[in-house]
N, C-alpha and C. Protein backbone atom coordinates (compact mmCIF):
# COMPACT_ATOMS: atom_id res chain seq x y z
N MET A 1 12.19 46.29 85.07
CA MET A 1 12.03 44.96 84.58
C MET A 1 11.18 44.93 83.34
N ASP A 2 11.37 43.88 82.58
CA ASP A 2 10.57 43.81 81.35
C ASP A 2 9.28 43.06 81.63
N ASN A 3 8.39 43.17 80.69
CA ASN A 3 7.09 42.54 80.86
C ASN A 3 7.16 41.02 80.77
N TRP A 4 8.20 40.53 80.24
CA TRP A 4 8.29 39.09 80.03
C TRP A 4 9.29 38.46 80.99
N GLY A 5 9.39 38.90 82.05
CA GLY A 5 10.36 38.41 83.00
C GLY A 5 9.95 37.08 83.59
N ALA A 6 10.72 36.66 84.56
CA ALA A 6 10.50 35.36 85.17
C ALA A 6 9.22 35.36 85.99
N ASN A 7 8.79 36.51 86.40
CA ASN A 7 7.62 36.57 87.25
C ASN A 7 6.31 36.70 86.46
N SER A 8 6.39 36.81 85.19
CA SER A 8 5.16 37.04 84.42
C SER A 8 4.33 35.76 84.26
N GLY A 9 4.90 34.64 84.53
CA GLY A 9 4.16 33.39 84.46
C GLY A 9 4.19 32.75 83.07
N ILE A 10 4.82 33.39 82.14
CA ILE A 10 4.90 32.83 80.80
C ILE A 10 6.34 32.45 80.56
N ALA A 11 6.56 31.23 80.28
CA ALA A 11 7.92 30.77 80.04
C ALA A 11 8.16 30.81 78.54
N MET A 12 9.23 31.39 78.15
CA MET A 12 9.57 31.51 76.73
C MET A 12 10.86 30.76 76.47
N SER A 13 10.87 30.18 75.39
CA SER A 13 12.08 29.49 74.99
C SER A 13 12.58 30.15 73.73
N LYS A 14 13.85 30.11 73.49
CA LYS A 14 14.41 30.74 72.31
C LYS A 14 14.27 29.86 71.08
N THR A 15 13.90 28.65 71.21
CA THR A 15 13.70 27.77 70.05
C THR A 15 12.21 27.57 69.85
N ALA A 16 11.79 27.55 68.62
CA ALA A 16 10.37 27.37 68.30
C ALA A 16 10.03 25.89 68.39
N SER A 17 8.83 25.63 68.73
CA SER A 17 8.37 24.26 68.81
C SER A 17 8.10 23.74 67.40
N LEU A 18 8.62 22.58 67.06
CA LEU A 18 8.43 21.99 65.73
C LEU A 18 7.07 21.31 65.62
N SER A 19 6.43 21.04 66.72
CA SER A 19 5.15 20.35 66.65
C SER A 19 4.04 21.26 66.15
N HIS A 20 4.22 22.57 66.25
CA HIS A 20 3.20 23.51 65.79
C HIS A 20 3.60 24.19 64.49
N HIS A 21 4.60 23.72 63.89
CA HIS A 21 5.10 24.33 62.65
C HIS A 21 4.35 23.73 61.45
N HIS A 22 3.87 24.57 60.57
CA HIS A 22 3.21 24.09 59.35
C HIS A 22 4.25 23.92 58.26
N PRO A 23 4.33 22.74 57.67
CA PRO A 23 5.36 22.52 56.65
C PRO A 23 5.04 23.33 55.38
N VAL A 24 6.06 23.73 54.71
CA VAL A 24 5.91 24.46 53.45
C VAL A 24 5.47 23.46 52.39
N SER A 25 4.47 23.85 51.60
CA SER A 25 4.01 22.91 50.57
C SER A 25 5.09 22.78 49.50
N HIS A 26 5.31 21.56 49.10
CA HIS A 26 6.34 21.28 48.10
C HIS A 26 5.66 20.93 46.78
N ARG A 27 6.25 21.35 45.72
CA ARG A 27 5.77 20.94 44.40
C ARG A 27 6.12 19.47 44.21
N PRO A 28 5.28 18.78 43.43
CA PRO A 28 5.64 17.39 43.17
C PRO A 28 6.93 17.34 42.36
N ALA A 29 7.61 16.28 42.54
CA ALA A 29 8.88 16.11 41.81
C ALA A 29 8.61 16.16 40.31
N PRO A 30 9.49 16.79 39.55
CA PRO A 30 9.26 16.87 38.10
C PRO A 30 9.20 15.48 37.49
N ARG A 31 8.27 15.33 36.55
CA ARG A 31 8.06 14.05 35.89
C ARG A 31 9.09 13.88 34.79
N HIS A 32 9.79 12.82 34.84
CA HIS A 32 10.80 12.57 33.82
C HIS A 32 10.23 11.56 32.83
N GLU A 33 10.10 12.00 31.57
CA GLU A 33 9.64 11.08 30.52
C GLU A 33 10.74 10.06 30.26
N ARG A 34 10.30 8.87 30.06
CA ARG A 34 11.26 7.84 29.71
C ARG A 34 11.69 8.06 28.26
N PRO A 35 12.95 7.93 27.95
CA PRO A 35 13.39 8.15 26.57
C PRO A 35 12.73 7.18 25.60
N GLY A 36 12.34 6.03 26.04
CA GLY A 36 11.69 5.05 25.17
C GLY A 36 10.33 5.52 24.69
N ARG A 37 9.63 6.31 25.49
CA ARG A 37 8.31 6.79 25.11
C ARG A 37 8.41 7.78 23.95
N LEU A 38 9.39 8.66 23.97
CA LEU A 38 9.60 9.61 22.87
C LEU A 38 9.95 8.87 21.59
N VAL A 39 10.80 7.87 21.70
CA VAL A 39 11.17 7.08 20.52
C VAL A 39 9.94 6.36 19.96
N ALA A 40 9.07 5.88 20.83
CA ALA A 40 7.86 5.19 20.38
C ALA A 40 6.95 6.15 19.62
N TRP A 41 6.80 7.39 20.10
CA TRP A 41 5.97 8.39 19.40
C TRP A 41 6.56 8.72 18.04
N ILE A 42 7.85 8.87 17.97
CA ILE A 42 8.50 9.17 16.68
C ILE A 42 8.31 8.00 15.72
N ALA A 43 8.47 6.79 16.22
CA ALA A 43 8.29 5.61 15.37
C ALA A 43 6.85 5.50 14.88
N ALA A 44 5.89 5.78 15.74
CA ALA A 44 4.48 5.72 15.34
C ALA A 44 4.19 6.76 14.26
N GLY A 45 4.74 7.95 14.41
CA GLY A 45 4.57 8.99 13.39
C GLY A 45 5.17 8.58 12.06
N ALA A 46 6.32 7.94 12.11
CA ALA A 46 6.96 7.48 10.87
C ALA A 46 6.12 6.40 10.19
N VAL A 47 5.52 5.51 10.98
CA VAL A 47 4.68 4.45 10.41
C VAL A 47 3.45 5.06 9.74
N VAL A 48 2.82 6.04 10.39
CA VAL A 48 1.64 6.69 9.81
C VAL A 48 2.01 7.41 8.52
N ALA A 49 3.14 8.10 8.51
CA ALA A 49 3.59 8.80 7.30
C ALA A 49 3.88 7.81 6.17
N ALA A 50 4.51 6.70 6.50
CA ALA A 50 4.82 5.69 5.48
C ALA A 50 3.54 5.07 4.92
N ALA A 51 2.56 4.83 5.77
CA ALA A 51 1.28 4.27 5.30
C ALA A 51 0.57 5.25 4.38
N GLY A 52 0.60 6.53 4.74
CA GLY A 52 -0.01 7.55 3.88
C GLY A 52 0.68 7.63 2.53
N LEU A 53 1.99 7.58 2.53
CA LEU A 53 2.74 7.62 1.27
C LEU A 53 2.44 6.40 0.42
N ALA A 54 2.37 5.24 1.04
CA ALA A 54 2.07 4.01 0.29
C ALA A 54 0.67 4.08 -0.32
N ALA A 55 -0.31 4.57 0.44
CA ALA A 55 -1.67 4.69 -0.09
C ALA A 55 -1.70 5.67 -1.26
N TRP A 56 -0.97 6.76 -1.14
CA TRP A 56 -0.92 7.75 -2.22
C TRP A 56 -0.31 7.16 -3.49
N LEU A 57 0.74 6.37 -3.32
CA LEU A 57 1.38 5.76 -4.48
C LEU A 57 0.51 4.68 -5.12
N VAL A 58 -0.16 3.87 -4.29
CA VAL A 58 -0.99 2.79 -4.81
C VAL A 58 -2.24 3.35 -5.49
N LEU A 59 -2.89 4.32 -4.85
CA LEU A 59 -4.13 4.86 -5.39
C LEU A 59 -3.90 5.91 -6.46
N GLY A 60 -2.71 6.37 -6.58
CA GLY A 60 -2.42 7.42 -7.57
C GLY A 60 -2.45 8.77 -6.90
N ASN A 61 -1.93 9.74 -7.58
CA ASN A 61 -1.82 11.07 -6.99
C ASN A 61 -2.97 11.97 -7.41
N GLY A 62 -4.09 11.42 -7.77
CA GLY A 62 -5.26 12.22 -8.11
C GLY A 62 -5.44 12.41 -9.60
N GLU A 63 -4.47 12.00 -10.41
CA GLU A 63 -4.59 12.20 -11.84
C GLU A 63 -5.54 11.18 -12.46
N GLU A 64 -5.53 9.97 -11.96
CA GLU A 64 -6.41 8.93 -12.47
C GLU A 64 -7.20 8.34 -11.31
N SER A 65 -8.38 7.90 -11.63
CA SER A 65 -9.22 7.31 -10.61
C SER A 65 -8.81 5.86 -10.38
N ALA A 66 -8.89 5.41 -9.12
CA ALA A 66 -8.58 4.02 -8.81
C ALA A 66 -9.74 3.11 -9.23
N ASP A 67 -10.94 3.67 -9.36
CA ASP A 67 -12.12 2.92 -9.76
C ASP A 67 -12.22 2.90 -11.28
N PRO A 68 -12.16 1.72 -11.92
CA PRO A 68 -12.23 1.68 -13.38
C PRO A 68 -13.53 2.26 -13.94
N GLY A 69 -14.63 2.14 -13.19
CA GLY A 69 -15.90 2.73 -13.64
C GLY A 69 -15.80 4.24 -13.73
N GLU A 70 -15.17 4.85 -12.73
CA GLU A 70 -14.94 6.30 -12.76
C GLU A 70 -14.00 6.67 -13.89
N ALA A 71 -12.99 5.84 -14.10
CA ALA A 71 -12.04 6.10 -15.20
C ALA A 71 -12.76 6.03 -16.54
N LEU A 72 -13.68 5.08 -16.70
CA LEU A 72 -14.45 4.96 -17.93
C LEU A 72 -15.27 6.22 -18.18
N ILE A 73 -15.93 6.72 -17.15
CA ILE A 73 -16.73 7.94 -17.28
C ILE A 73 -15.84 9.10 -17.71
N GLY A 74 -14.68 9.22 -17.08
CA GLY A 74 -13.74 10.27 -17.45
C GLY A 74 -13.27 10.13 -18.89
N GLN A 75 -13.02 8.90 -19.32
CA GLN A 75 -12.57 8.66 -20.69
C GLN A 75 -13.66 9.00 -21.70
N MET A 76 -14.90 8.69 -21.38
CA MET A 76 -16.00 9.00 -22.30
C MET A 76 -16.22 10.51 -22.37
N ARG A 77 -16.09 11.20 -21.26
CA ARG A 77 -16.20 12.67 -21.27
C ARG A 77 -15.04 13.28 -22.07
N ALA A 78 -13.85 12.74 -21.89
CA ALA A 78 -12.70 13.25 -22.64
C ALA A 78 -12.87 12.99 -24.13
N ALA A 79 -13.42 11.83 -24.47
CA ALA A 79 -13.65 11.51 -25.88
C ALA A 79 -14.63 12.50 -26.50
N ALA A 80 -15.63 12.92 -25.74
CA ALA A 80 -16.59 13.90 -26.25
C ALA A 80 -15.93 15.25 -26.48
N SER A 81 -14.83 15.50 -25.78
CA SER A 81 -14.09 16.75 -25.94
C SER A 81 -13.01 16.65 -27.01
N GLY A 82 -12.87 15.48 -27.61
CA GLY A 82 -11.91 15.31 -28.70
C GLY A 82 -10.66 14.54 -28.34
N ALA A 83 -10.56 14.04 -27.12
CA ALA A 83 -9.37 13.29 -26.71
C ALA A 83 -9.76 11.83 -26.47
N ALA A 84 -10.06 11.12 -27.52
CA ALA A 84 -10.53 9.74 -27.38
C ALA A 84 -9.37 8.75 -27.42
N PRO A 85 -9.16 7.99 -26.35
CA PRO A 85 -8.18 6.90 -26.42
C PRO A 85 -8.78 5.76 -27.25
N PRO A 86 -7.96 4.90 -27.84
CA PRO A 86 -8.50 3.82 -28.66
C PRO A 86 -9.26 2.76 -27.87
N SER A 87 -8.93 2.62 -26.58
CA SER A 87 -9.65 1.65 -25.75
C SER A 87 -9.95 2.28 -24.40
N HIS A 88 -10.95 1.73 -23.71
CA HIS A 88 -11.35 2.28 -22.42
C HIS A 88 -10.74 1.48 -21.27
N ALA A 89 -11.10 1.84 -20.06
CA ALA A 89 -10.51 1.25 -18.85
C ALA A 89 -10.72 -0.26 -18.74
N PHE A 90 -11.69 -0.80 -19.44
CA PHE A 90 -11.96 -2.24 -19.38
C PHE A 90 -11.43 -2.98 -20.60
N GLY A 91 -10.71 -2.29 -21.46
CA GLY A 91 -10.06 -2.93 -22.59
C GLY A 91 -10.84 -2.96 -23.89
N GLY A 92 -12.10 -2.60 -23.87
CA GLY A 92 -12.89 -2.58 -25.10
C GLY A 92 -12.64 -1.31 -25.90
N SER A 93 -13.25 -1.25 -27.07
CA SER A 93 -13.03 -0.08 -27.94
C SER A 93 -13.85 1.12 -27.47
N LEU A 94 -13.30 2.29 -27.74
CA LEU A 94 -13.96 3.56 -27.43
C LEU A 94 -13.91 4.39 -28.70
N ALA A 95 -15.07 4.74 -29.22
CA ALA A 95 -15.12 5.44 -30.50
C ALA A 95 -16.02 6.67 -30.41
N VAL A 96 -15.69 7.66 -31.21
CA VAL A 96 -16.49 8.88 -31.31
C VAL A 96 -16.98 8.99 -32.74
N SER A 97 -18.26 9.28 -32.90
CA SER A 97 -18.83 9.46 -34.24
C SER A 97 -19.83 10.61 -34.21
N SER A 98 -20.16 11.09 -35.39
CA SER A 98 -21.17 12.15 -35.51
C SER A 98 -22.43 11.54 -36.06
N GLY A 99 -23.53 11.86 -35.45
CA GLY A 99 -24.82 11.35 -35.90
C GLY A 99 -25.78 12.50 -36.12
N ALA A 100 -27.01 12.16 -36.42
CA ALA A 100 -28.04 13.18 -36.65
C ALA A 100 -28.30 13.99 -35.38
N ASN A 101 -28.10 13.37 -34.23
CA ASN A 101 -28.34 14.06 -32.96
C ASN A 101 -27.09 14.71 -32.39
N GLY A 102 -26.01 14.69 -33.13
CA GLY A 102 -24.77 15.30 -32.66
C GLY A 102 -23.70 14.25 -32.42
N LEU A 103 -22.79 14.58 -31.55
CA LEU A 103 -21.65 13.72 -31.24
C LEU A 103 -22.11 12.50 -30.44
N MET A 104 -21.54 11.34 -30.76
CA MET A 104 -21.87 10.10 -30.05
C MET A 104 -20.58 9.42 -29.61
N VAL A 105 -20.52 9.03 -28.35
CA VAL A 105 -19.36 8.30 -27.81
C VAL A 105 -19.84 6.89 -27.49
N THR A 106 -19.15 5.89 -28.06
CA THR A 106 -19.56 4.50 -27.88
C THR A 106 -18.44 3.68 -27.26
N ALA A 107 -18.77 2.99 -26.17
CA ALA A 107 -17.83 2.08 -25.50
C ALA A 107 -18.38 0.68 -25.64
N GLN A 108 -17.55 -0.24 -26.12
CA GLN A 108 -17.97 -1.63 -26.32
C GLN A 108 -17.24 -2.55 -25.34
N GLY A 109 -17.86 -3.68 -25.05
CA GLY A 109 -17.24 -4.69 -24.19
C GLY A 109 -17.20 -4.31 -22.72
N LEU A 110 -18.29 -3.71 -22.23
CA LEU A 110 -18.34 -3.28 -20.83
C LEU A 110 -18.94 -4.34 -19.93
N PRO A 111 -18.37 -4.54 -18.75
CA PRO A 111 -19.03 -5.39 -17.75
C PRO A 111 -20.34 -4.72 -17.31
N THR A 112 -21.27 -5.51 -16.83
CA THR A 112 -22.59 -5.00 -16.46
C THR A 112 -22.51 -3.88 -15.44
N LYS A 113 -21.73 -4.08 -14.38
CA LYS A 113 -21.65 -3.07 -13.32
C LYS A 113 -21.11 -1.74 -13.85
N ALA A 114 -20.08 -1.79 -14.66
CA ALA A 114 -19.50 -0.56 -15.22
C ALA A 114 -20.47 0.11 -16.18
N CYS A 115 -21.20 -0.68 -16.94
CA CYS A 115 -22.20 -0.14 -17.87
C CYS A 115 -23.29 0.61 -17.10
N VAL A 116 -23.77 0.01 -16.02
CA VAL A 116 -24.81 0.65 -15.20
C VAL A 116 -24.28 1.93 -14.57
N GLN A 117 -23.08 1.86 -13.99
CA GLN A 117 -22.49 3.02 -13.33
C GLN A 117 -22.29 4.17 -14.32
N ALA A 118 -21.67 3.88 -15.45
CA ALA A 118 -21.41 4.93 -16.43
C ALA A 118 -22.70 5.43 -17.05
N GLY A 119 -23.61 4.52 -17.38
CA GLY A 119 -24.88 4.93 -17.98
C GLY A 119 -25.67 5.85 -17.07
N TRP A 120 -25.70 5.52 -15.78
CA TRP A 120 -26.45 6.33 -14.82
C TRP A 120 -25.85 7.73 -14.70
N ARG A 121 -24.54 7.80 -14.61
CA ARG A 121 -23.88 9.11 -14.46
C ARG A 121 -23.95 9.94 -15.74
N LEU A 122 -23.74 9.31 -16.88
CA LEU A 122 -23.72 10.05 -18.14
C LEU A 122 -25.12 10.48 -18.57
N ALA A 123 -26.16 9.79 -18.10
CA ALA A 123 -27.53 10.16 -18.45
C ALA A 123 -27.89 11.54 -17.90
N LYS A 124 -27.18 11.99 -16.89
CA LYS A 124 -27.44 13.32 -16.33
C LYS A 124 -26.98 14.42 -17.28
N ASP A 125 -26.07 14.09 -18.19
CA ASP A 125 -25.52 15.08 -19.12
C ASP A 125 -25.80 14.74 -20.57
N GLY A 126 -26.79 13.92 -20.81
CA GLY A 126 -27.10 13.57 -22.19
C GLY A 126 -28.01 12.36 -22.26
N THR A 127 -27.97 11.69 -23.39
CA THR A 127 -28.82 10.53 -23.64
C THR A 127 -27.94 9.29 -23.71
N VAL A 128 -28.40 8.21 -23.10
CA VAL A 128 -27.65 6.95 -23.16
C VAL A 128 -28.45 5.91 -23.93
N ILE A 129 -27.73 5.13 -24.70
CA ILE A 129 -28.30 4.02 -25.47
C ILE A 129 -27.50 2.79 -25.07
N VAL A 130 -28.19 1.74 -24.62
CA VAL A 130 -27.53 0.53 -24.16
C VAL A 130 -27.87 -0.61 -25.11
N ASN A 131 -26.83 -1.20 -25.70
CA ASN A 131 -27.00 -2.32 -26.64
C ASN A 131 -28.04 -2.00 -27.72
N GLY A 132 -28.04 -0.77 -28.20
CA GLY A 132 -28.95 -0.36 -29.26
C GLY A 132 -30.34 0.03 -28.80
N THR A 133 -30.60 -0.01 -27.50
CA THR A 133 -31.92 0.32 -26.97
C THR A 133 -31.86 1.65 -26.22
N LEU A 134 -32.77 2.55 -26.58
CA LEU A 134 -32.90 3.83 -25.89
C LEU A 134 -34.00 3.67 -24.85
N PRO A 135 -33.64 3.59 -23.56
CA PRO A 135 -34.68 3.39 -22.54
C PRO A 135 -35.54 4.66 -22.41
N THR A 136 -36.86 4.46 -22.36
CA THR A 136 -37.75 5.62 -22.23
C THR A 136 -37.76 6.14 -20.80
N ARG A 137 -37.76 5.26 -19.85
CA ARG A 137 -37.67 5.66 -18.43
C ARG A 137 -36.41 5.03 -17.87
N LEU A 138 -35.51 5.87 -17.45
CA LEU A 138 -34.22 5.38 -16.98
C LEU A 138 -34.27 5.11 -15.48
N SER A 139 -33.84 3.93 -15.10
CA SER A 139 -33.69 3.58 -13.69
C SER A 139 -32.49 2.65 -13.59
N ALA A 140 -31.99 2.49 -12.40
CA ALA A 140 -30.85 1.60 -12.20
C ALA A 140 -31.23 0.16 -12.56
N ALA A 141 -32.45 -0.23 -12.23
CA ALA A 141 -32.90 -1.59 -12.55
C ALA A 141 -33.00 -1.79 -14.06
N ARG A 142 -33.52 -0.79 -14.76
CA ARG A 142 -33.64 -0.90 -16.22
C ARG A 142 -32.26 -0.94 -16.86
N LEU A 143 -31.33 -0.11 -16.36
CA LEU A 143 -29.96 -0.14 -16.88
C LEU A 143 -29.31 -1.50 -16.64
N ALA A 144 -29.50 -2.05 -15.45
CA ALA A 144 -28.92 -3.36 -15.14
C ALA A 144 -29.48 -4.43 -16.07
N ASP A 145 -30.77 -4.34 -16.36
CA ASP A 145 -31.40 -5.31 -17.27
C ASP A 145 -30.81 -5.17 -18.68
N LEU A 146 -30.72 -3.95 -19.19
CA LEU A 146 -30.20 -3.73 -20.54
C LEU A 146 -28.71 -4.07 -20.64
N CYS A 147 -27.93 -3.66 -19.63
CA CYS A 147 -26.48 -3.90 -19.66
C CYS A 147 -26.15 -5.38 -19.55
N GLY A 148 -27.01 -6.15 -18.91
CA GLY A 148 -26.74 -7.57 -18.72
C GLY A 148 -27.18 -8.45 -19.88
N GLN A 149 -27.77 -7.88 -20.92
CA GLN A 149 -28.30 -8.69 -22.03
C GLN A 149 -27.22 -9.19 -22.98
N ALA A 150 -26.15 -8.44 -23.15
CA ALA A 150 -25.12 -8.83 -24.13
C ALA A 150 -24.14 -9.81 -23.51
N GLU A 151 -23.81 -10.88 -24.24
CA GLU A 151 -22.91 -11.90 -23.72
C GLU A 151 -21.45 -11.45 -23.71
N GLY A 152 -21.01 -10.75 -24.71
CA GLY A 152 -19.61 -10.35 -24.79
C GLY A 152 -19.32 -9.01 -24.15
N GLY A 153 -20.22 -8.52 -23.35
CA GLY A 153 -20.06 -7.21 -22.73
C GLY A 153 -21.01 -6.23 -23.38
N ALA A 154 -21.44 -5.27 -22.63
CA ALA A 154 -22.43 -4.31 -23.10
C ALA A 154 -21.79 -3.24 -23.97
N THR A 155 -22.63 -2.64 -24.81
CA THR A 155 -22.23 -1.49 -25.62
C THR A 155 -23.03 -0.30 -25.12
N LEU A 156 -22.32 0.73 -24.68
CA LEU A 156 -22.95 1.93 -24.15
C LEU A 156 -22.63 3.10 -25.08
N THR A 157 -23.67 3.74 -25.57
CA THR A 157 -23.50 4.93 -26.41
C THR A 157 -24.05 6.12 -25.66
N TRP A 158 -23.28 7.18 -25.63
CA TRP A 158 -23.66 8.41 -24.93
C TRP A 158 -23.70 9.54 -25.94
N VAL A 159 -24.82 10.25 -25.96
CA VAL A 159 -24.98 11.43 -26.81
C VAL A 159 -25.03 12.63 -25.86
N PRO A 160 -23.91 13.36 -25.71
CA PRO A 160 -23.89 14.48 -24.76
C PRO A 160 -24.85 15.58 -25.18
N ASP A 161 -25.42 16.24 -24.17
CA ASP A 161 -26.27 17.40 -24.45
C ASP A 161 -25.44 18.46 -25.13
N GLY A 162 -26.00 19.12 -26.12
CA GLY A 162 -25.29 20.22 -26.79
C GLY A 162 -25.48 21.49 -25.99
N LYS A 163 -24.48 21.86 -25.22
CA LYS A 163 -24.59 23.04 -24.35
C LYS A 163 -23.81 24.18 -24.92
């Protein structure tokens, strides 16, 4: 007789009990993206690209400054190099002359803010004269005072350092 016979006291069944069975872990169902979400991402990307292109076209492609004050500074520097346009970014005259102290670039008819901005920046590379006055101590407040004195716009003369 076998060890598992009817007399062994252990009853065996040929089918396993389902109550003691551990279920196999299942992966979660794959997530299906809605087609509308992909279209929304593509549309958002197109809007961002279009906004970037529009800003590039409006502001220029880097050749010219969008700020007229910056453009004026660039024009005065170019004039000192021999490429003087007849008028500057604000419509006034831009002239180059030679003086006892060297080359002089003069811009006439400047608004106060542009005069201060250009005078402050150009003073780092030379001497500035505002409305015929050479300030002994240059400050933004002194430039604003001098640039605001002329009724028809300020006249800024820049004498570049001879380097």
